[in-house]
Amino acid sequence: LVLDAAARRPPAPGGEDDAASFFAEIVASVSDARFDGDGRFVVTRDFLCCRTWDVRRAREPVHAAGVHDHLRPKLADLYEADRIFDKFEVCACRGDGAVATGGSPCGTQMLRRV
């Protein structure tokens, strides 16, 4: 992925407990990013969430879907087992706003952009 302009870093999720805030930078690191078919949207994937960004208005995502919200209370255990560093790819499907991404333990997940 090559960017011609300065990259934007998404804000870290707010309102987290102490354990989650300790790991906020790790879980907010983008592991994959893809443009949709027409180039208007970028879909990003971090450890806990999949976000869709409109490249014309990149201040905040137009849609965010939690993928591993159930793992939020277990971040310390995942860190100890080096699982918090797992990387997941994302794929933006053309035309229908669907997004496919990996997830554990349930494999591939299909998400819809609202």
Foldseek 3Di string as FASTA:
>chain_A
DDDPDDDDQADFDPDADPVLVVCRVLQSDWQEWDAEPVRQWIWTHGNFKIFIAGPVDRPHTQDIDTQVPVCSVVVVVCVVVVNSNDGKYKDQYYDQQWIWMADPPPGIDIDHRD
